[in-house]
Amino acid sequence: MDGAINPFTEQSAGQYFVGREGELATFQIYLRGLCAGNPRHMYVAGVHGTGKTSYLNKLSEIAESGNCLGVSVDLDPGSTPRAAVRQVLRRVVVETQEARKGKVAGPDLKLDWDEADAATHFRCPRTSSLSVDAVYEDLCCIERFARETGVRGVVICIDEGQRITGQALSALKNALQRSSFYMAVLSLRLVDDKPSAAEAGRVLLDKKAEEAEGDYGASRLFVGQAMGPFSSGDEAADCVRRRLDGNVIQFTDEVVGRIGEMSQRIPREIIAISSATYDKANELQQSVADVNVLSKAFTDLHRRLVAEMRCLWTEAPEEIRRALRALVRLGHSADSQEITHEAYPEVKGELLPHIAGNIKIELGSLSRRSGRLIQEDNLFSFDNPTTRFALRIVAEGNEL
């Protein structure tokens, strides 16, 4: 379709950033503290795809609007402790130099840093080992140059912070806590966010402390923020609508709502499903993506799961098909009585308990054979929303 450009191919939110109002309000408080000379340092923890990078970019943007300097650093994997700290410092130097251009006269800070052994203003490029004193002195040097341009503080947003070694984190922590001019925000990608993302992030920092001879100061210095799914369906919907604003292809309200449910409001999943739906609408030459388009896009994304649900549906007797269809429509965990009322609205009286008893037995048997149906405390549910939508596609054709 002419003029159709998929706005969901850009993974980092950037101009499309939505939600996280509570987290941003907390950051604003910390930013005011930084400007007053009382910085608080943060870590942002979450599993892959929960929007940590976009969030850090937003924090950097907010810092810039508050007369502070926002610095974004994406740590390289496998860096030595010295190399990781130097990477962070060099990025602060580069951004400080950019802030000085055209405002004040003086040395080219980036050039001086890159002179290594010949550097005149910085110690770290001239040291062969990781020295906390050298890191602190270079931070103080950068502060003097930054203040010349009216900068009130520097927010250092370090992405992929799980890559930093314990020794590097210890050195940064010990240097930062001696300064009132810097605020560090560390993002931590978690493998598992149980029991909570914030607690799992602190456990990760404690493990790094063990690498640094038990320097647990970092896990105490940094205040944790959990990054998970969007907090509401409205935020998930805004994530979709903002990217579609002004585009030649639009989604119906029902499609936007369904995407939020399918994705469990996880940003990465919202973007993946929305991108596939957009491409399918473009392929079908439809300017409005309806539930039929969403169904086709979903099937393309989850062919194996849809095929699995088709086999389950084909092998199930009619009574269980009706029960499964009812559980799909309900959209939440339900006991056999609620499922029976939904599946057999026309049945009244003494027959209902008998049908409910049979459904409980059959669904219980099915849950033991298939991990897709879960039975807990006499409640039945699907293992995740993706399974529910795959089964609905099978049960009702192309209508979600």
Protein backbone atom coordinates (compact mmCIF):
# COMPACT_ATOMS: atom_id res chain seq x y z
CA MET A 1 0.00 0.00 0.00
CA ASP A 2 1.44 3.35 -1.07
CA GLY A 3 2.88 5.34 1.82
CA ALA A 4 2.57 2.49 4.31
CA ILE A 5 5.61 2.49 6.59
CA ASN A 6 5.60 0.03 9.45
CA PRO A 7 6.13 2.11 12.62
CA PHE A 8 6.70 -0.98 14.76
CA THR A 9 10.08 -1.88 13.27
CA GLU A 10 11.83 0.56 15.61
CA GLN A 11 12.20 -1.40 18.83
CA SER A 12 13.30 1.44 21.11
CA ALA A 13 10.30 3.64 21.88
CA GLY A 14 11.97 7.03 21.38
CA GLN A 15 9.28 9.49 20.38
CA TYR A 16 6.63 6.80 20.98
CA PHE A 17 7.37 6.40 24.69
CA VAL A 18 4.23 5.88 26.80
CA GLY A 19 3.32 4.98 30.36
CA ARG A 20 5.63 4.39 33.34
CA GLU A 21 4.14 7.45 35.03
CA GLY A 22 4.89 6.26 38.56
CA GLU A 23 8.50 5.39 37.74
CA LEU A 24 9.06 8.71 35.97
CA ALA A 25 7.63 10.63 38.93
CA THR A 26 10.17 8.92 41.19
CA PHE A 27 12.97 9.81 38.80
CA GLN A 28 11.86 13.45 38.78
CA ILE A 29 12.20 13.51 42.57
CA TYR A 30 15.70 12.06 42.32
CA LEU A 31 16.59 14.54 39.58
CA ARG A 32 15.60 17.45 41.81
CA GLY A 33 17.78 15.92 44.49
CA LEU A 34 20.71 15.78 42.06
CA CYS A 35 20.28 19.46 41.20
CA ALA A 36 20.29 20.23 44.93
CA GLY A 37 23.52 18.30 45.42
CA ASN A 38 21.89 15.18 46.95
CA PRO A 39 21.91 12.51 44.24
CA ARG A 40 20.28 9.08 44.51
CA HIS A 41 21.45 6.28 42.27
CA MET A 42 19.05 3.78 40.66
CA TYR A 43 18.94 0.40 39.04
CA VAL A 44 16.16 -0.62 36.67
CA ALA A 45 15.57 -4.37 36.54
CA GLY A 46 13.43 -6.49 34.25
CA VAL A 47 13.46 -9.42 31.85
CA HIS A 48 14.18 -8.95 28.16
CA GLY A 49 11.62 -6.88 26.28
CA THR A 50 10.12 -4.91 29.16
CA GLY A 51 11.31 -1.55 27.85
CA LYS A 52 14.42 -0.84 29.93
CA THR A 53 16.41 0.73 27.09
CA SER A 54 13.50 2.97 26.07
CA TYR A 55 13.04 3.96 29.70
CA LEU A 56 16.70 4.91 30.09
CA ASN A 57 16.53 6.98 26.91
CA LYS A 58 13.51 8.77 28.36
CA LEU A 59 15.38 9.48 31.59
CA SER A 60 18.25 10.96 29.61
CA GLU A 61 15.77 13.15 27.72
CA ILE A 62 14.16 14.35 30.96
CA ALA A 63 17.57 15.11 32.44
CA GLU A 64 18.42 17.29 29.44
CA SER A 65 15.19 19.26 29.88
CA GLY A 66 16.11 19.90 33.51
CA ASN A 67 19.44 21.64 32.77
CA CYS A 68 21.33 18.44 33.45
CA LEU A 69 23.42 16.38 31.08
CA GLY A 70 21.95 13.04 30.06
CA VAL A 71 24.53 10.44 29.06
CA SER A 72 23.61 7.03 27.60
CA VAL A 73 26.13 4.20 27.71
CA ASP A 74 25.58 0.71 26.26
CA LEU A 75 28.21 -1.52 27.86
CA ASP A 76 30.19 -3.82 25.60
CA PRO A 77 30.01 -7.53 26.48
CA GLY A 78 33.14 -9.15 27.89
CA SER A 79 34.88 -5.90 28.84
CA THR A 80 37.55 -5.98 31.50
CA PRO A 81 36.84 -3.94 34.65
CA ARG A 82 39.21 -1.19 33.52
CA ALA A 83 37.75 -1.12 29.98
CA ALA A 84 34.16 -0.94 31.25
CA VAL A 85 34.87 2.01 33.56
CA ARG A 86 36.85 3.79 30.85
CA GLN A 87 33.93 3.28 28.42
CA VAL A 88 31.54 4.95 30.87
CA LEU A 89 33.90 7.84 31.56
CA ARG A 90 34.74 8.40 27.91
CA ARG A 91 31.05 8.67 27.06
CA VAL A 92 30.61 11.32 29.76
CA VAL A 93 33.62 13.16 28.36
CA VAL A 94 32.18 13.06 24.81
CA GLU A 95 28.79 14.39 25.93
CA THR A 96 30.41 17.10 28.02
CA GLN A 97 32.47 18.19 25.04
CA GLU A 98 29.30 18.32 22.90
CA ALA A 99 27.62 20.49 25.53
CA ARG A 100 30.60 22.89 25.49
CA LYS A 101 30.71 23.40 21.73
CA GLY A 102 29.97 26.97 20.76
CA LYS A 103 29.47 28.03 24.38
CA VAL A 104 32.90 28.24 26.01
CA ALA A 105 36.48 28.21 24.82
CA GLY A 106 38.84 25.57 26.03
CA PRO A 107 40.48 22.24 25.22
CA ASP A 108 38.87 19.51 23.16
CA LEU A 109 38.06 17.08 25.95
CA LYS A 110 37.46 14.09 23.68
CA LEU A 111 40.74 14.63 21.88
CA ASP A 112 42.57 14.99 25.19
CA TRP A 113 41.03 11.78 26.53
CA ASP A 114 41.95 9.85 23.38
CA GLU A 115 45.56 10.98 23.67
CA ALA A 116 45.92 8.19 26.25
CA ASP A 117 49.39 8.46 27.83
CA ALA A 118 49.66 12.04 26.56
CA ALA A 119 46.36 13.16 28.10
CA THR A 120 46.80 16.32 30.17
CA HIS A 121 43.47 16.64 31.94
CA PHE A 122 42.52 13.03 32.72
CA ARG A 123 44.21 10.34 34.76
CA CYS A 124 42.38 7.17 33.70
CA PRO A 125 43.73 7.13 30.13
CA ARG A 126 47.24 7.25 31.63
CA THR A 127 46.76 4.49 34.20
CA SER A 128 47.41 0.83 33.45
CA SER A 129 45.15 -0.42 36.25
CA LEU A 130 41.73 0.43 37.64
CA SER A 131 42.15 3.10 40.30
CA VAL A 132 39.20 4.52 42.27
CA ASP A 133 41.17 7.70 42.94
CA ALA A 134 41.81 8.15 39.22
CA VAL A 135 38.13 7.61 38.41
CA TYR A 136 37.09 10.13 41.05
CA GLU A 137 39.62 12.73 39.91
CA ASP A 138 38.43 12.38 36.30
CA LEU A 139 34.82 12.79 37.40
CA CYS A 140 35.83 15.97 39.24
CA CYS A 141 37.64 17.21 36.15
CA ILE A 142 34.61 16.59 33.96
CA GLU A 143 32.42 18.37 36.53
CA ARG A 144 34.53 21.52 36.31
CA PHE A 145 34.20 21.63 32.53
CA ALA A 146 30.49 20.80 32.59
CA ARG A 147 29.65 23.50 35.13
CA GLU A 148 31.11 26.10 32.75
CA THR A 149 28.13 25.51 30.48
CA GLY A 150 25.53 25.79 33.26
CA VAL A 151 25.00 22.05 33.67
CA ARG A 152 23.61 21.34 37.14
CA GLY A 153 24.38 17.64 37.18
CA VAL A 154 25.03 14.59 35.04
CA VAL A 155 22.73 11.57 34.75
CA ILE A 156 24.68 8.54 33.53
CA CYS A 157 22.32 5.89 32.12
CA ILE A 158 24.21 2.60 31.78
CA ASP A 159 22.34 0.05 29.67
CA GLU A 160 23.03 -3.70 29.83
CA GLY A 161 24.45 -3.19 33.31
CA GLN A 162 24.45 -6.94 33.96
CA ARG A 163 27.57 -7.02 31.78
CA ILE A 164 29.64 -5.02 34.25
CA THR A 165 32.04 -6.95 36.45
CA GLY A 166 31.99 -6.73 40.22
CA GLN A 167 35.34 -4.92 40.27
CA ALA A 168 34.18 -2.30 37.78
CA LEU A 169 30.91 -1.74 39.63
CA SER A 170 32.77 -1.41 42.92
CA ALA A 171 35.15 1.18 41.46
CA LEU A 172 32.32 3.21 39.95
CA LYS A 173 30.31 3.05 43.14
CA ASN A 174 33.21 4.15 45.32
CA ALA A 175 33.98 7.09 43.02
CA LEU A 176 30.35 8.16 42.55
CA GLN A 177 29.49 8.22 46.23
CA ARG A 178 32.27 10.79 46.77
CA SER A 179 30.63 13.18 44.29
CA SER A 180 27.38 15.16 44.45
CA PHE A 181 27.36 16.01 40.74
CA TYR A 182 26.47 12.63 39.22
CA MET A 183 23.48 10.29 39.26
CA ALA A 184 23.93 6.79 37.86
CA VAL A 185 21.05 4.69 36.50
CA LEU A 186 21.94 1.07 35.82
CA SER A 187 19.68 -1.22 33.79
CA LEU A 188 19.82 -4.93 34.60
CA ARG A 189 18.47 -7.56 32.22
CA LEU A 190 17.13 -10.46 34.25
CA VAL A 191 16.76 -14.09 33.26
CA ASP A 192 13.94 -14.47 35.82
CA ASP A 193 12.02 -11.75 37.64
CA LYS A 194 10.90 -13.93 40.55
CA PRO A 195 9.97 -13.17 43.31
CA SER A 196 10.04 -9.61 41.95
CA ALA A 197 12.14 -7.74 39.40
CA ALA A 198 13.43 -5.28 42.01
CA GLU A 199 14.48 -8.06 44.38
CA ALA A 200 16.02 -10.12 41.56
CA GLY A 201 18.01 -7.04 40.52
CA ARG A 202 19.35 -6.63 44.03
CA VAL A 203 20.33 -10.30 44.13
CA LEU A 204 22.26 -9.77 40.89
CA LEU A 205 24.11 -6.79 42.38
CA ASP A 206 24.93 -8.83 45.48
CA LYS A 207 26.43 -11.55 43.29
CA LYS A 208 28.64 -8.94 41.68
CA ALA A 209 29.64 -7.77 45.16
CA GLU A 210 30.92 -11.27 45.88
CA GLU A 211 33.24 -10.90 42.87
CA ALA A 212 34.59 -7.67 44.37
CA GLU A 213 35.71 -9.15 47.71
CA GLY A 214 32.31 -8.66 49.29
CA ASP A 215 31.83 -4.97 48.46
CA TYR A 216 28.05 -4.92 48.91
CA GLY A 217 27.92 -1.13 48.73
CA ALA A 218 26.54 -1.09 45.19
CA SER A 219 23.41 -3.04 46.08
CA ARG A 220 22.88 -0.61 48.96
CA LEU A 221 23.77 2.56 47.03
CA PHE A 222 21.38 1.88 44.14
CA VAL A 223 17.60 2.15 44.65
CA GLY A 224 15.68 -0.46 42.68
CA GLN A 225 12.91 0.06 40.14
CA ALA A 226 11.07 -2.87 38.59
CA MET A 227 10.37 -2.82 34.86
CA GLY A 228 7.63 -5.18 33.77
CA PRO A 229 4.45 -5.16 31.67
CA PHE A 230 2.50 -1.93 31.27
CA SER A 231 0.35 -1.33 34.33
CA SER A 232 -2.94 -1.05 32.44
CA GLY A 233 -4.68 -1.88 29.19
CA ASP A 234 -4.82 1.83 28.40
CA GLU A 235 -1.02 2.11 28.51
CA ALA A 236 -0.71 -0.95 26.24
CA ALA A 237 -3.24 0.58 23.84
CA ASP A 238 -1.38 3.90 23.83
CA CYS A 239 1.80 2.03 22.89
CA VAL A 240 0.05 0.89 19.70
CA ARG A 241 -1.96 4.01 18.90
CA ARG A 242 0.92 6.43 19.27
CA ARG A 243 2.94 4.60 16.63
CA LEU A 244 -0.04 4.50 14.28
CA ASP A 245 -0.86 8.19 14.64
CA GLY A 246 -1.05 9.74 11.17
CA ASN A 247 -0.22 6.45 9.42
CA VAL A 248 -2.04 5.25 6.29
CA ILE A 249 -2.89 1.99 8.06
CA GLN A 250 -4.92 1.99 11.27
CA PHE A 251 -6.10 -0.71 13.71
CA THR A 252 -9.66 -1.03 14.98
CA ASP A 253 -10.20 -0.51 18.73
CA GLU A 254 -10.97 -4.21 19.09
CA VAL A 255 -7.66 -5.17 17.51
CA VAL A 256 -5.76 -2.76 19.77
CA GLY A 257 -7.45 -4.24 22.83
CA ARG A 258 -6.80 -7.81 21.71
CA ILE A 259 -3.13 -7.08 21.15
CA GLY A 260 -2.84 -5.85 24.73
CA GLU A 261 -4.41 -9.08 25.99
CA MET A 262 -2.37 -11.37 23.73
CA SER A 263 0.89 -9.72 24.73
CA GLN A 264 0.13 -9.67 28.47
CA ARG A 265 0.98 -5.96 28.10
CA ILE A 266 4.70 -6.76 27.66
CA PRO A 267 6.20 -4.05 25.39
CA ARG A 268 8.30 -6.41 23.27
CA GLU A 269 5.29 -8.66 22.58
CA ILE A 270 3.03 -5.69 21.82
CA ILE A 271 5.50 -4.47 19.21
CA ALA A 272 5.97 -7.95 17.68
CA ILE A 273 2.24 -8.64 17.29
CA SER A 274 1.51 -5.10 16.09
CA SER A 275 4.31 -5.25 13.52
CA ALA A 276 3.04 -8.56 12.12
CA THR A 277 -0.53 -7.20 12.00
CA TYR A 278 0.61 -4.06 10.20
CA ASP A 279 2.56 -6.06 7.62
CA LYS A 280 -0.41 -8.37 7.07
CA ALA A 281 -2.77 -5.42 6.53
CA ASN A 282 -0.29 -3.95 4.05
CA GLU A 283 -0.02 -7.32 2.26
CA LEU A 284 -3.82 -7.57 2.04
CA GLN A 285 -4.07 -3.92 0.92
CA GLN A 286 -6.35 -3.03 3.83
CA SER A 287 -6.12 0.47 5.29
CA VAL A 288 -7.78 -0.73 8.52
CA ALA A 289 -6.58 -3.87 10.27
CA ASP A 290 -9.60 -5.71 11.69
CA VAL A 291 -9.80 -8.91 13.73
CA ASN A 292 -9.53 -11.00 10.57
CA VAL A 293 -6.17 -9.40 9.75
CA LEU A 294 -5.02 -9.86 13.34
CA SER A 295 -6.01 -13.53 13.20
CA LYS A 296 -3.98 -14.13 10.04
CA ALA A 297 -0.97 -12.27 11.47
CA PHE A 298 -1.19 -14.19 14.74
CA THR A 299 -1.31 -17.51 12.87
CA ASP A 300 1.81 -16.55 10.91
CA LEU A 301 3.61 -15.78 14.18
CA HIS A 302 2.47 -18.91 16.02
CA ARG A 303 1.92 -21.58 13.37
CA ARG A 304 3.17 -24.43 15.55
CA LEU A 305 0.95 -23.46 18.49
CA VAL A 306 -2.10 -23.02 16.27
CA ALA A 307 -1.43 -26.46 14.76
CA GLU A 308 -1.15 -27.94 18.27
CA MET A 309 -4.48 -26.38 19.26
CA ARG A 310 -6.05 -27.72 16.06
CA CYS A 311 -5.02 -31.26 17.02
CA LEU A 312 -6.35 -30.80 20.55
CA TRP A 313 -9.65 -29.47 19.18
CA THR A 314 -10.02 -32.24 16.63
CA GLU A 315 -9.51 -34.99 19.21
CA ALA A 316 -11.83 -33.49 21.86
CA PRO A 317 -15.48 -34.66 22.13
CA GLU A 318 -18.22 -32.10 21.55
CA GLU A 319 -18.90 -31.55 25.26
CA ILE A 320 -15.26 -30.59 25.87
CA ARG A 321 -15.17 -28.39 22.77
CA ARG A 322 -18.09 -26.44 24.20
CA ALA A 323 -16.29 -26.18 27.55
CA LEU A 324 -13.05 -25.00 25.95
CA ARG A 325 -14.92 -22.47 23.82
CA ALA A 326 -16.62 -21.18 26.99
CA LEU A 327 -13.27 -20.89 28.81
CA VAL A 328 -11.90 -18.93 25.85
CA ARG A 329 -14.84 -16.52 25.97
CA LEU A 330 -14.59 -16.04 29.74
CA GLY A 331 -10.96 -14.97 29.47
CA HIS A 332 -10.10 -15.80 33.11
CA SER A 333 -9.64 -18.76 35.43
CA ALA A 334 -12.99 -20.46 36.09
CA ASP A 335 -14.38 -23.49 37.87
CA SER A 336 -16.49 -26.14 36.15
CA GLN A 337 -19.77 -24.55 37.27
CA GLU A 338 -18.97 -21.17 35.69
CA ILE A 339 -17.73 -22.88 32.54
CA THR A 340 -20.95 -24.92 32.38
CA HIS A 341 -23.16 -21.82 32.72
CA GLU A 342 -21.22 -20.18 29.89
CA ALA A 343 -21.22 -23.29 27.68
CA TYR A 344 -24.86 -24.31 28.27
CA PRO A 345 -26.88 -21.13 28.93
CA GLU A 346 -30.03 -22.89 27.81
CA VAL A 347 -29.77 -25.66 30.43
CA LYS A 348 -31.48 -25.13 33.79
CA GLY A 349 -32.22 -27.07 36.97
CA GLU A 350 -30.87 -30.39 38.15
CA LEU A 351 -29.05 -31.22 34.91
CA LEU A 352 -26.47 -28.45 35.43
CA PRO A 353 -24.55 -30.09 38.33
CA HIS A 354 -24.34 -33.34 36.35
CA ILE A 355 -22.88 -31.56 33.30
CA ALA A 356 -20.51 -29.54 35.51
CA GLY A 357 -19.27 -32.76 37.14
CA ASN A 358 -18.53 -34.34 33.77
CA ILE A 359 -16.77 -31.20 32.54
CA LYS A 360 -14.62 -31.09 35.68
CA ILE A 361 -13.52 -34.69 35.14
CA GLU A 362 -12.85 -34.29 31.41
CA LEU A 363 -11.01 -30.96 31.70
CA GLY A 364 -8.96 -32.36 34.58
CA SER A 365 -7.97 -35.30 32.40
CA LEU A 366 -7.12 -32.96 29.54
CA SER A 367 -4.99 -30.77 31.81
CA ARG A 368 -2.93 -33.80 32.80
CA ARG A 369 -2.35 -34.70 29.14
CA SER A 370 -1.62 -31.20 27.90
CA GLY A 371 0.43 -28.53 29.61
CA ARG A 372 -1.61 -25.91 27.76
CA LEU A 373 -4.59 -26.30 30.12
CA ILE A 374 -3.88 -25.64 33.81
CA GLN A 375 -5.93 -26.85 36.78
CA GLU A 376 -5.25 -25.23 40.16
CA ASP A 377 -7.60 -25.29 43.16
CA ASN A 378 -10.48 -26.51 40.98
CA LEU A 379 -9.98 -23.56 38.61
CA PHE A 380 -9.16 -24.08 34.94
CA SER A 381 -7.14 -21.68 32.77
CA PHE A 382 -4.76 -21.66 29.83
CA ASP A 383 -1.01 -21.56 30.42
CA ASN A 384 -0.84 -18.10 28.78
CA PRO A 385 -2.98 -15.73 26.67
CA THR A 386 -1.22 -16.83 23.48
CA THR A 387 -2.62 -20.34 23.88
CA ARG A 388 -6.09 -18.93 24.52
CA PHE A 389 -6.06 -16.91 21.30
CA ALA A 390 -4.63 -19.80 19.29
CA LEU A 391 -7.47 -22.02 20.46
CA ARG A 392 -10.03 -19.34 19.68
CA ILE A 393 -8.73 -19.07 16.13
CA VAL A 394 -9.14 -22.82 15.74
CA ALA A 395 -12.57 -22.85 17.38
CA GLU A 396 -14.10 -19.92 15.58
CA GLY A 397 -12.21 -19.69 12.31
CA ASN A 398 -10.85 -16.27 11.51
CA GLU A 399 -12.89 -14.46 14.14
CA LEU A 400 -10.93 -13.58 17.28
